Amino acid sequence: MRTNLSLMVFAVIFFASAFAVHGAAGGALQKFKSLIDQGEFTEAQKAMRLELATNQGLTAADRLELEFEIERLDRIRKDFTKSEEQVVQYIRTYIPDVTESDLRRWEKEKSLECMTIDGVKRYFSQAGANFFRIDRQARAIKASHDKKHGVVSSRFNYEKEAAQIIAAGERQGTRRVAPQRFRITYTLTVNPDAVPAGETIRAWLPYPREGHPRQTSIQLFHTSPERHLISDNDAYLQRSIYMEQIARAGEPTLFVCSLGFTSFAEYTAIDPAEVQPYDVQSDLYQQYTREQPPHIVFTPELREVSRQIIGGETNPYLKAKRIFQWIDGWAPWARSREYSTIDNLSRYAYENKHGDCGIQTLLFMTLARLNGIPVHWQSGFDLKPGEDNLHDWCEMYLEPYGWVLVDQSYGIKNSKDERVKWFCLGNTDPYRWIVNDDFSQPLYPAKIFPRSETVDFQRGEVEWRGGNLYFDAWDYDYRIEYLND
């Protein structure tokens, strides 16, 4: 399968330009920002389309910026689908006497996510469920209700798993233990007639990264269609396997990949007294403590909160511990709207006081880098039995331990054993599939149109010559086989 080099170059430019929209409104977009901020989406889109049609002086980058913004507003609409009545109905399952003043207070406190779009208040599709994750009092009410009705919140005992990994690490005297072999069959299905019959559909599916001691023995068993391209592991930090198929009228289009790998748990007995200062002149330190706009930016607000969190602490591990604990209390895990609709994910977590795994991770990374702790993004899938899902985390560098995993969304564990309590700050279970070692990176072959997910890469990406296919035009599924069992 050959790739047109001119298309690849164009796509890289396109991606960079479209992605830049999220950093700050450029000249072309700035004149429409007031309408957008006021929630006048339809008027803003009309104005931007008129600008594209009549302003011959727009640069290529300006056009890409405006075109993506028009699409971004549509993506927001798809995330904010609930009415106040629907949200209230959900909340009354647990709080029957909810009042209008309660709603206004919770909205002000950022416990209920909503916005006014074209004059109509619309709530995030997960606002009701998220409320019982974000608000402490509501969380306790729901926990009591669930306990009374026998509802089990988690089928996986992470504290027990962590204790077993720690014991195995100490018993074996090795950092990596408990290898788990996986076979995964990943299927991406494009809806019937999502593109005209006879057109070529291009699809990128997730593929395991190589070179990590925690993820080894990668095998590709088969793909459908058979012809494929796997991105170079070193050149592309978001790793994919690429395939093409011709669409048939009235039929779904399937892309299938079956692969295997072994993943290890990791326990690093970090002793703060043994943690050494960094070589601040090293390439590693310079690369992984820098800002990385638009999502890792040292804003004045985060600089101030950082001073409050860190105080006079100088030990890198103890700094990280303070950051981890602060985020665990300030920004609890809750489901998130699509990342491509948010201009700065770490700022979003700070201002809205919640976030999913990727948003929490980027807040941790921003505060860590702000305090001179090298960190880099990592993501893929959580493969715990019965609780598998997309998942994001990061790695932190400590001398003399090297890179250790930090899973902010798993937080501080409820355990009297300090090693278990802080397990997720420096250690990991074996139920991981590593796909990405950075965020917002290009795919191979280059994508011609803006991605559905501009930050992460897990579900996949799909397009045809007529444009990108957003998530509502296709679906993904995967089957996990635990080969140790």
Protein backbone atom coordinates (compact mmCIF):
# COMPACT_ATOMS: atom_id res chain seq x y z
CA MET A 1 0.00 0.00 0.00
CA ARG A 2 1.56 3.31 -1.08
CA THR A 3 1.04 6.71 0.50
CA ASN A 4 1.01 9.93 -1.49
CA LEU A 5 3.81 12.07 -0.04
CA SER A 6 2.24 15.39 -1.04
CA LEU A 7 -0.96 14.41 0.78
CA MET A 8 1.08 13.51 3.86
CA VAL A 9 2.81 16.88 3.92
CA PHE A 10 -0.47 18.72 3.41
CA ALA A 11 -2.11 16.72 6.19
CA VAL A 12 0.63 17.52 8.68
CA ILE A 13 0.17 21.23 7.94
CA PHE A 14 -3.61 20.83 8.16
CA PHE A 15 -3.42 19.04 11.48
CA ALA A 16 -1.09 21.61 13.00
CA SER A 17 -3.24 24.50 11.85
CA ALA A 18 -6.52 22.98 13.02
CA PHE A 19 -5.03 21.99 16.34
CA ALA A 20 -3.69 25.52 16.91
CA VAL A 21 -7.28 26.69 17.29
CA HIS A 22 -7.21 25.39 20.83
CA GLY A 23 -4.19 27.41 21.92
CA ALA A 24 -5.73 30.85 21.56
CA ALA A 25 -8.14 32.40 19.15
CA GLY A 26 -6.16 33.58 16.15
CA GLY A 27 -6.83 36.67 14.06
CA ALA A 28 -9.44 35.02 11.87
CA LEU A 29 -11.34 33.53 14.81
CA GLN A 30 -11.00 36.44 17.22
CA LYS A 31 -13.74 38.53 15.56
CA PHE A 32 -16.27 35.73 16.22
CA LYS A 33 -15.17 34.94 19.76
CA SER A 34 -17.76 37.18 21.41
CA LEU A 35 -20.63 35.38 19.69
CA ILE A 36 -19.16 32.00 20.62
CA ASP A 37 -18.58 32.98 24.26
CA GLN A 38 -22.21 34.15 24.47
CA GLY A 39 -23.39 30.75 23.25
CA GLU A 40 -24.70 32.13 19.95
CA PHE A 41 -23.42 29.12 18.05
CA THR A 42 -25.74 29.31 15.04
CA GLU A 43 -25.04 33.01 14.44
CA ALA A 44 -21.31 32.44 14.89
CA GLN A 45 -21.33 29.57 12.39
CA LYS A 46 -23.27 31.66 9.85
CA ALA A 47 -20.81 34.51 10.27
CA MET A 48 -17.79 32.24 9.90
CA ARG A 49 -19.23 30.59 6.78
CA LEU A 50 -19.85 34.02 5.28
CA GLU A 51 -16.26 35.00 6.10
CA LEU A 52 -14.97 31.88 4.36
CA ALA A 53 -17.12 32.60 1.30
CA THR A 54 -16.35 36.30 0.90
CA ASN A 55 -12.93 37.08 2.40
CA GLN A 56 -10.38 36.31 -0.29
CA GLY A 57 -7.58 37.55 1.95
CA LEU A 58 -7.83 34.66 4.41
CA THR A 59 -4.69 32.55 4.62
CA ALA A 60 -4.86 28.76 4.40
CA ALA A 61 -4.28 28.58 8.16
CA ASP A 62 -7.11 31.07 8.78
CA ARG A 63 -9.48 28.98 6.70
CA LEU A 64 -8.57 25.79 8.52
CA GLU A 65 -9.04 27.53 11.85
CA LEU A 66 -12.53 28.76 10.95
CA GLU A 67 -13.59 25.47 9.38
CA PHE A 68 -12.55 23.54 12.46
CA GLU A 69 -14.29 26.01 14.78
CA ILE A 70 -17.55 25.56 12.87
CA GLU A 71 -17.19 21.81 13.37
CA ARG A 72 -16.14 22.18 17.02
CA LEU A 73 -19.39 23.99 17.85
CA ASP A 74 -21.34 21.11 16.32
CA ARG A 75 -19.33 18.68 18.46
CA ILE A 76 -20.26 20.65 21.59
CA ARG A 77 -23.95 20.42 20.65
CA LYS A 78 -23.59 16.63 20.45
CA ASP A 79 -22.20 16.53 24.01
CA PHE A 80 -24.76 18.88 25.58
CA THR A 81 -28.01 17.03 24.97
CA LYS A 82 -29.88 17.00 28.29
CA SER A 83 -32.63 19.35 29.39
CA GLU A 84 -33.01 20.61 32.93
CA GLU A 85 -36.07 18.41 33.33
CA GLN A 86 -34.10 15.29 32.41
CA VAL A 87 -31.26 16.15 34.80
CA VAL A 88 -33.66 16.89 37.66
CA GLN A 89 -35.45 13.61 37.04
CA TYR A 90 -32.14 11.73 37.41
CA ILE A 91 -31.10 13.62 40.55
CA ARG A 92 -34.47 12.94 42.21
CA THR A 93 -33.66 9.23 42.14
CA TYR A 94 -31.33 9.97 45.03
CA ILE A 95 -32.44 13.45 46.23
CA PRO A 96 -36.25 13.59 45.90
CA ASP A 97 -36.67 17.12 47.29
CA VAL A 98 -34.26 18.88 44.93
CA THR A 99 -35.17 22.55 44.38
CA GLU A 100 -34.43 25.15 41.72
CA SER A 101 -32.14 27.00 44.13
CA ASP A 102 -30.20 23.73 44.59
CA LEU A 103 -29.68 23.52 40.84
CA ARG A 104 -28.46 27.10 40.57
CA ARG A 105 -26.05 26.57 43.49
CA TRP A 106 -24.67 23.35 42.03
CA GLU A 107 -24.22 25.00 38.65
CA LYS A 108 -22.31 27.88 40.27
CA GLU A 109 -20.14 25.42 42.18
CA LYS A 110 -19.40 23.59 38.88
CA SER A 111 -21.01 20.38 40.12
CA LEU A 112 -23.57 20.47 37.29
CA GLU A 113 -22.08 21.14 33.87
CA CYS A 114 -24.27 23.17 31.54
CA MET A 115 -24.14 25.96 28.98
CA THR A 116 -26.58 28.13 27.08
CA ILE A 117 -26.52 27.37 23.35
CA ASP A 118 -28.63 29.52 21.04
CA GLY A 119 -30.64 30.81 23.99
CA VAL A 120 -31.43 27.36 25.43
CA LYS A 121 -29.81 25.97 28.58
CA ARG A 122 -28.37 22.57 27.81
CA TYR A 123 -26.67 20.15 30.19
CA PHE A 124 -23.77 17.84 29.45
CA SER A 125 -25.11 14.37 28.61
CA GLN A 126 -23.46 12.93 31.74
CA ALA A 127 -24.25 15.89 34.02
CA GLY A 128 -26.65 14.00 36.27
CA ALA A 129 -24.35 11.04 36.90
CA ASN A 130 -21.33 13.34 37.21
CA PHE A 131 -23.04 15.40 39.90
CA PHE A 132 -22.89 12.37 42.21
CA ARG A 133 -19.17 12.02 41.49
CA ILE A 134 -18.21 15.68 41.88
CA ASP A 135 -20.26 16.96 44.83
CA ARG A 136 -19.04 15.38 48.09
CA GLN A 137 -22.41 15.43 49.84
CA ALA A 138 -24.21 14.02 46.81
CA ARG A 139 -21.54 11.34 46.49
CA ALA A 140 -22.19 10.23 50.08
CA ILE A 141 -25.96 10.21 49.51
CA LYS A 142 -25.62 8.00 46.44
CA ALA A 143 -23.14 5.67 48.18
CA SER A 144 -25.61 5.19 51.04
CA HIS A 145 -28.46 4.57 48.57
CA ASP A 146 -26.42 2.06 46.56
CA LYS A 147 -25.33 0.20 49.68
CA LYS A 148 -28.93 -0.06 50.86
CA HIS A 149 -30.02 -1.45 47.48
CA GLY A 150 -27.04 -3.79 47.04
CA VAL A 151 -25.47 -1.87 44.17
CA VAL A 152 -21.77 -2.74 43.77
CA SER A 153 -19.71 0.21 42.52
CA SER A 154 -16.62 -1.81 41.59
CA ARG A 155 -16.03 -5.46 40.84
CA PHE A 156 -12.26 -5.14 41.04
CA ASN A 157 -10.54 -4.88 44.44
CA TYR A 158 -7.63 -2.59 43.61
CA GLU A 159 -6.33 -2.46 47.18
CA LYS A 160 -6.03 -6.26 47.21
CA GLU A 161 -4.38 -6.24 43.78
CA ALA A 162 -1.86 -3.60 44.91
CA ALA A 163 -1.01 -5.55 48.07
CA GLN A 164 -0.37 -8.69 46.01
CA ILE A 165 1.90 -6.81 43.58
CA ILE A 166 3.87 -5.29 46.46
CA ALA A 167 4.27 -8.70 48.09
CA ALA A 168 5.39 -10.27 44.80
CA GLY A 169 7.90 -7.48 44.19
CA GLU A 170 9.41 -7.84 47.65
CA ARG A 171 9.41 -11.64 47.49
CA GLN A 172 11.03 -11.81 44.07
CA GLY A 173 13.31 -8.83 44.55
CA THR A 174 12.42 -7.48 41.13
CA ARG A 175 10.60 -4.40 39.88
CA ARG A 176 8.38 -6.07 37.28
CA VAL A 177 6.13 -8.92 38.36
CA ALA A 178 2.84 -10.68 37.61
CA PRO A 179 3.04 -10.88 33.79
CA GLN A 180 -0.34 -11.07 32.05
CA ARG A 181 -0.67 -12.23 28.45
CA PHE A 182 -3.46 -10.68 26.38
CA ARG A 183 -5.00 -11.35 23.01
CA ILE A 184 -7.17 -8.50 21.77
CA THR A 185 -9.45 -8.48 18.76
CA TYR A 186 -10.27 -4.88 17.90
CA THR A 187 -13.13 -4.05 15.53
CA LEU A 188 -14.02 -0.65 14.10
CA THR A 189 -17.39 -0.56 12.31
CA VAL A 190 -18.40 2.29 10.02
CA ASN A 191 -22.17 2.79 9.76
CA PRO A 192 -23.91 1.70 6.55
CA ASP A 193 -23.97 4.51 3.97
CA ALA A 194 -21.82 6.80 6.14
CA VAL A 195 -20.00 7.44 2.86
CA PRO A 196 -21.20 6.87 -0.71
CA ALA A 197 -20.80 3.36 -2.12
CA GLY A 198 -17.56 2.89 -3.99
CA GLU A 199 -15.62 5.44 -1.94
CA THR A 200 -12.47 4.46 -0.04
CA ILE A 201 -12.66 4.60 3.75
CA ARG A 202 -9.38 5.15 5.60
CA ALA A 203 -9.13 3.85 9.18
CA TRP A 204 -6.51 4.02 11.94
CA LEU A 205 -6.82 1.54 14.84
CA PRO A 206 -4.74 1.47 18.07
CA TYR A 207 -1.58 -0.66 18.14
CA PRO A 208 0.79 -1.54 21.04
CA ARG A 209 3.95 0.48 21.56
CA GLU A 210 7.30 -1.27 21.67
CA GLY A 211 10.37 -0.59 23.80
CA HIS A 212 8.63 -0.57 27.18
CA PRO A 213 9.81 -3.19 29.67
CA ARG A 214 6.22 -3.30 30.98
CA GLN A 215 4.85 -4.29 27.55
CA THR A 216 6.64 -7.01 25.61
CA SER A 217 6.26 -9.85 23.09
CA ILE A 218 3.95 -7.96 20.72
CA GLN A 219 2.39 -10.09 17.97
CA LEU A 220 0.07 -9.28 15.10
CA PHE A 221 -2.11 -12.30 14.31
CA HIS A 222 -4.34 -11.03 11.52
CA THR A 223 -6.13 -8.03 10.07
CA SER A 224 -9.18 -7.56 7.88
CA PRO A 225 -8.62 -6.24 5.31
CA GLU A 226 -5.29 -8.03 5.06
CA ARG A 227 -3.27 -5.08 3.72
CA HIS A 228 -2.17 -2.67 6.44
CA LEU A 229 0.50 -0.22 7.58
CA ILE A 230 1.89 -0.09 11.13
CA SER A 231 3.38 3.25 12.15
CA ASP A 232 7.05 3.35 13.09
CA ASN A 233 7.40 3.07 16.86
CA ASP A 234 10.09 5.73 17.21
CA ALA A 235 8.78 8.26 14.71
CA TYR A 236 5.13 8.20 15.85
CA LEU A 237 4.39 8.45 19.56
CA GLN A 238 0.70 7.68 18.99
CA ARG A 239 0.90 4.23 17.44
CA SER A 240 -1.61 2.94 14.93
CA ILE A 241 -2.33 0.28 12.36
CA TYR A 242 -3.84 1.68 9.15
CA MET A 243 -6.22 0.01 6.68
CA GLU A 244 -8.45 0.96 3.73
CA GLN A 245 -11.72 -0.48 2.43
CA ILE A 246 -14.26 0.32 -0.27
CA ALA A 247 -17.74 1.18 1.06
CA ARG A 248 -20.67 -0.94 -0.12
CA ALA A 249 -24.23 0.37 -0.32
CA GLY A 250 -26.39 -0.49 2.68
CA GLU A 251 -23.60 -2.42 4.45
CA PRO A 252 -21.39 -1.60 7.43
CA THR A 253 -17.66 -1.43 6.76
CA LEU A 254 -15.52 -3.40 9.22
CA PHE A 255 -11.86 -3.05 10.09
CA VAL A 256 -10.48 -5.81 12.32
CA CYS A 257 -7.12 -6.30 14.02
CA SER A 258 -6.15 -9.22 16.26
CA LEU A 259 -2.97 -8.81 18.31
CA GLY A 260 -1.24 -10.03 21.44
CA PHE A 261 1.24 -8.79 24.04
CA THR A 262 2.45 -9.38 27.59
CA SER A 263 2.05 -6.69 30.25
CA PHE A 264 3.80 -6.57 33.64
CA ALA A 265 2.83 -5.07 36.96
CA GLU A 266 5.49 -2.82 38.44
CA TYR A 267 6.40 -2.04 42.04
CA THR A 268 9.10 0.50 42.84
CA ALA A 269 9.82 0.87 46.55
CA ILE A 270 10.46 4.62 46.39
CA ASP A 271 12.34 5.97 49.39
CA PRO A 272 12.09 9.79 49.46
CA ALA A 273 15.48 9.94 51.22
CA GLU A 274 17.06 8.21 48.20
CA VAL A 275 15.56 10.58 45.62
CA GLN A 276 18.30 12.70 44.09
CA PRO A 277 18.30 16.17 42.46
CA TYR A 278 17.94 16.38 38.68
CA ASP A 279 20.58 17.39 36.19
CA VAL A 280 18.69 20.47 35.06
CA GLN A 281 20.93 20.83 31.99
CA SER A 282 20.11 17.35 30.67
CA ASP A 283 18.01 16.87 27.55
CA LEU A 284 15.55 14.74 29.52
CA TYR A 285 14.97 17.49 32.08
CA GLN A 286 14.67 20.22 29.47
CA GLN A 287 12.23 18.25 27.32
CA TYR A 288 9.92 16.96 30.04
CA THR A 289 9.65 20.02 32.27
CA ARG A 290 8.66 22.45 29.50
CA GLU A 291 5.26 23.90 28.71
CA GLN A 292 3.42 22.06 25.93
CA PRO A 293 0.58 24.29 24.72
CA PRO A 294 -2.30 24.28 24.58
CA HIS A 295 -2.86 21.77 27.40
CA ILE A 296 0.27 22.19 29.53
CA VAL A 297 0.54 25.92 30.18
CA PHE A 298 1.87 27.55 33.36
CA THR A 299 -0.98 30.01 33.81
CA PRO A 300 -0.90 32.63 36.61
CA GLU A 301 -3.71 30.75 38.40
CA LEU A 302 -1.82 27.45 38.36
CA ARG A 303 1.41 29.15 39.46
CA GLU A 304 -0.43 30.54 42.48
CA VAL A 305 -2.12 27.27 43.41
CA SER A 306 1.21 25.50 42.94
CA ARG A 307 2.81 27.72 45.57
CA GLN A 308 0.00 26.84 47.95
CA ILE A 309 0.33 23.12 47.29
CA ILE A 310 4.11 22.79 47.41
CA GLY A 311 5.01 25.31 50.11
CA GLY A 312 8.69 24.91 50.94
CA GLU A 313 9.03 21.26 49.84
CA THR A 314 12.10 20.54 47.67
CA ASN A 315 12.10 16.74 47.35
CA PRO A 316 10.71 15.81 43.88
CA TYR A 317 8.80 12.74 45.10
CA LEU A 318 7.27 14.58 48.05
CA LYS A 319 6.31 17.46 45.72
CA ALA A 320 4.57 14.94 43.47
CA LYS A 321 2.83 13.45 46.50
CA ARG A 322 1.41 16.85 47.45
CA ILE A 323 0.21 17.48 43.89
CA PHE A 324 -1.35 14.00 43.67
CA GLN A 325 -3.20 14.49 46.97
CA TRP A 326 -4.43 17.97 46.06
CA ILE A 327 -5.88 16.85 42.72
CA ASP A 328 -7.46 13.82 44.39
CA GLY A 329 -9.50 16.24 46.52
CA TRP A 330 -9.89 19.23 44.18
CA ALA A 331 -10.73 17.56 40.86
CA PRO A 332 -12.40 14.16 41.36
CA TRP A 333 -12.93 11.82 38.45
CA ALA A 334 -16.03 12.41 36.34
CA ARG A 335 -16.93 11.70 32.73
CA SER A 336 -15.82 14.31 30.24
CA ARG A 337 -17.06 15.95 27.08
CA GLU A 338 -14.93 15.40 23.99
CA TYR A 339 -11.38 16.73 24.38
CA SER A 340 -11.47 18.39 20.95
CA THR A 341 -14.06 20.86 22.29
CA ILE A 342 -11.87 22.08 25.20
CA ASP A 343 -9.14 24.62 24.54
CA ASN A 344 -6.93 23.81 27.59
CA LEU A 345 -7.57 20.58 29.49
CA SER A 346 -5.46 21.31 32.58
CA ARG A 347 -7.10 24.70 33.01
CA TYR A 348 -10.50 23.06 32.52
CA ALA A 349 -9.76 20.64 35.39
CA TYR A 350 -8.69 23.47 37.67
CA GLU A 351 -11.63 25.77 36.86
CA ASN A 352 -14.35 23.10 36.74
CA LYS A 353 -13.05 21.05 39.68
CA HIS A 354 -13.37 17.68 37.97
CA GLY A 355 -12.13 15.71 35.00
CA ASP A 356 -11.76 12.24 33.58
CA CYS A 357 -8.47 10.33 33.58
CA GLY A 358 -6.85 12.35 30.78
CA ILE A 359 -7.92 15.72 32.14
CA GLN A 360 -6.75 14.83 35.66
CA THR A 361 -3.47 13.55 34.22
CA LEU A 362 -2.81 16.76 32.31
CA LEU A 363 -3.43 18.80 35.46
CA PHE A 364 -0.93 16.61 37.32
CA MET A 365 1.57 16.94 34.48
CA THR A 366 1.21 20.72 34.35
CA LEU A 367 1.76 21.15 38.09
CA ALA A 368 4.61 18.61 38.08
CA ARG A 369 6.46 20.31 35.23
CA LEU A 370 5.83 23.68 36.82
CA ASN A 371 7.73 22.32 39.83
CA GLY A 372 10.62 20.88 37.85
CA ILE A 373 9.48 17.24 37.83
CA PRO A 374 9.90 15.54 34.43
CA VAL A 375 6.69 13.85 33.26
CA HIS A 376 5.35 12.56 29.97
CA TRP A 377 1.89 11.46 28.82
CA GLN A 378 0.98 7.83 28.36
CA SER A 379 -2.36 6.29 27.44
CA GLY A 380 -4.15 3.35 25.94
CA PHE A 381 -6.54 0.96 27.64
CA ASP A 382 -7.31 -0.31 31.11
CA LEU A 383 -7.82 -4.08 30.73
CA LYS A 384 -8.95 -5.04 34.24
CA PRO A 385 -11.47 -7.90 34.05
CA GLY A 386 -14.99 -6.53 34.02
CA GLU A 387 -13.82 -2.90 34.11
CA ASP A 388 -11.92 -2.48 30.85
CA ASN A 389 -12.03 0.95 29.22
CA LEU A 390 -10.04 3.67 27.52
CA HIS A 391 -7.50 5.03 29.98
CA ASP A 392 -4.88 7.78 30.38
CA TRP A 393 -2.02 8.18 32.84
CA CYS A 394 1.55 9.52 32.82
CA GLU A 395 5.09 8.61 33.78
CA MET A 396 7.27 10.61 36.18
CA TYR A 397 11.07 10.55 36.23
CA LEU A 398 12.82 10.19 39.56
CA GLU A 399 16.53 9.80 40.20
CA PRO A 400 17.74 7.06 40.71
CA TYR A 401 14.53 5.10 39.94
CA GLY A 402 13.94 6.23 36.36
CA TRP A 403 10.44 6.44 34.88
CA VAL A 404 7.60 5.38 37.19
CA LEU A 405 3.88 5.31 36.44
CA VAL A 406 1.45 7.85 37.93
CA ASP A 407 -2.27 7.14 37.69
CA GLN A 408 -3.99 10.24 39.05
CA SER A 409 -7.51 9.01 38.34
CA TYR A 410 -7.05 5.92 40.54
CA GLY A 411 -6.12 8.29 43.35
CA ILE A 412 -5.27 7.59 46.97
CA LYS A 413 -6.37 4.15 48.11
CA ASN A 414 -8.34 3.46 51.27
CA SER A 415 -5.71 1.47 53.15
CA LYS A 416 -3.76 1.68 56.41
CA ASP A 417 -0.73 0.33 54.55
CA GLU A 418 1.05 3.43 53.22
CA ARG A 419 2.47 1.43 50.32
CA VAL A 420 -1.02 0.48 49.17
CA LYS A 421 -2.44 3.92 49.95
CA TRP A 422 0.06 5.61 47.60
CA PHE A 423 0.42 2.70 45.18
CA CYS A 424 -0.80 4.69 42.16
CA LEU A 425 1.97 7.26 42.61
CA GLY A 426 4.85 5.25 41.19
CA ASN A 427 3.47 1.74 40.60
CA THR A 428 1.03 -0.10 38.37
CA ASP A 429 -1.05 -3.21 37.82
CA PRO A 430 -0.46 -5.44 34.77
CA TYR A 431 -3.80 -4.59 33.12
CA ARG A 432 -2.51 -1.94 30.71
CA TRP A 433 -2.29 -1.60 26.96
CA ILE A 434 0.14 1.20 26.05
CA VAL A 435 -0.72 2.88 22.74
CA ASN A 436 0.56 6.48 23.20
CA ASP A 437 3.64 8.11 24.71
CA ASP A 438 2.54 11.70 24.05
CA PHE A 439 -0.63 13.61 23.24
CA SER A 440 -1.69 15.47 20.09
CA GLN A 441 0.77 13.67 17.83
CA PRO A 442 0.43 12.95 14.08
CA LEU A 443 -0.73 9.60 12.76
CA TYR A 444 0.78 7.52 9.95
CA PRO A 445 -0.11 7.72 7.14
CA ALA A 446 -0.95 11.36 7.73
CA LYS A 447 -4.59 12.20 8.26
CA ILE A 448 -5.95 14.63 5.68
CA PHE A 449 -8.82 16.05 7.74
CA PRO A 450 -8.96 17.13 11.41
CA ARG A 451 -9.20 14.27 13.84
CA SER A 452 -12.27 13.37 15.86
CA GLU A 453 -9.97 13.17 18.91
CA THR A 454 -7.33 15.90 18.72
CA VAL A 455 -5.54 14.97 21.98
CA ASP A 456 -5.67 11.24 22.62
CA PHE A 457 -5.71 8.22 20.30
CA GLN A 458 -7.54 5.08 21.39
CA ARG A 459 -10.92 4.53 19.72
CA GLY A 460 -9.47 5.10 16.27
CA GLU A 461 -9.84 7.64 13.46
CA VAL A 462 -11.77 7.40 10.20
CA GLU A 463 -12.08 9.54 7.08
CA TRP A 464 -12.79 9.48 3.37
CA ARG A 465 -12.03 11.98 0.62
CA GLY A 466 -15.15 13.96 1.59
CA GLY A 467 -13.97 14.62 5.14
CA ASN A 468 -13.52 13.24 8.64
CA LEU A 469 -16.03 10.74 10.02
CA TYR A 470 -16.91 11.78 13.56
CA PHE A 471 -17.70 9.29 16.34
CA ASP A 472 -21.42 9.21 15.58
CA ALA A 473 -20.66 7.74 12.13
CA TRP A 474 -18.90 4.64 13.45
CA ASP A 475 -18.35 2.50 16.53
CA TYR A 476 -15.58 0.41 18.05
CA ASP A 477 -15.47 -2.80 20.04
CA TYR A 478 -12.78 -5.11 21.37
CA ARG A 479 -12.65 -8.62 22.80
CA ILE A 480 -10.05 -9.39 25.46
CA GLU A 481 -8.69 -12.88 26.05
CA TYR A 482 -6.72 -13.35 29.29
CA LEU A 483 -4.31 -16.07 28.22
CA ASN A 484 -2.85 -16.69 31.69
CA ASP A 485 -6.20 -18.06 32.86
